[in-house]
Amino acid sequence: MSYGTELPIPCRIAGTLSHRLCQKISEDESIHYEMVNATLLNEFLKAHHQIQELEVSNAQQQKQIDVLTAALQKVSAQLEMSKAAPQTVLNNR
């Protein structure tokens, strides 16, 4: 199966995912669908793994944000309480 300079459908459709594969293959070589599909699957799995890592990182950061927000709200409430409570000074002279 030789396509010459014409890229097969997976290379044209997949675009950036198969871009690296299509760059590696010279114009004289034939591109086999199995190789393209395997490479696309591998690239997809790498991207999927990266997305999963980012989601975990995002969840950890969100937990930290929630903890910091709660602490800030607590400090803000304490500050409001100290401002609201009138302070009297006893002068025992």
Foldseek 3Di string as FASTA:
>chain_A
DADQQDDDPLCVVVPPQCPVVVVVDDSPDGDDPVVSVVSSVVSVVVVVVVVVVVVVVVVVVVVVVVVVVVVVVVVVVVVVVVVPDDDDDDDDD
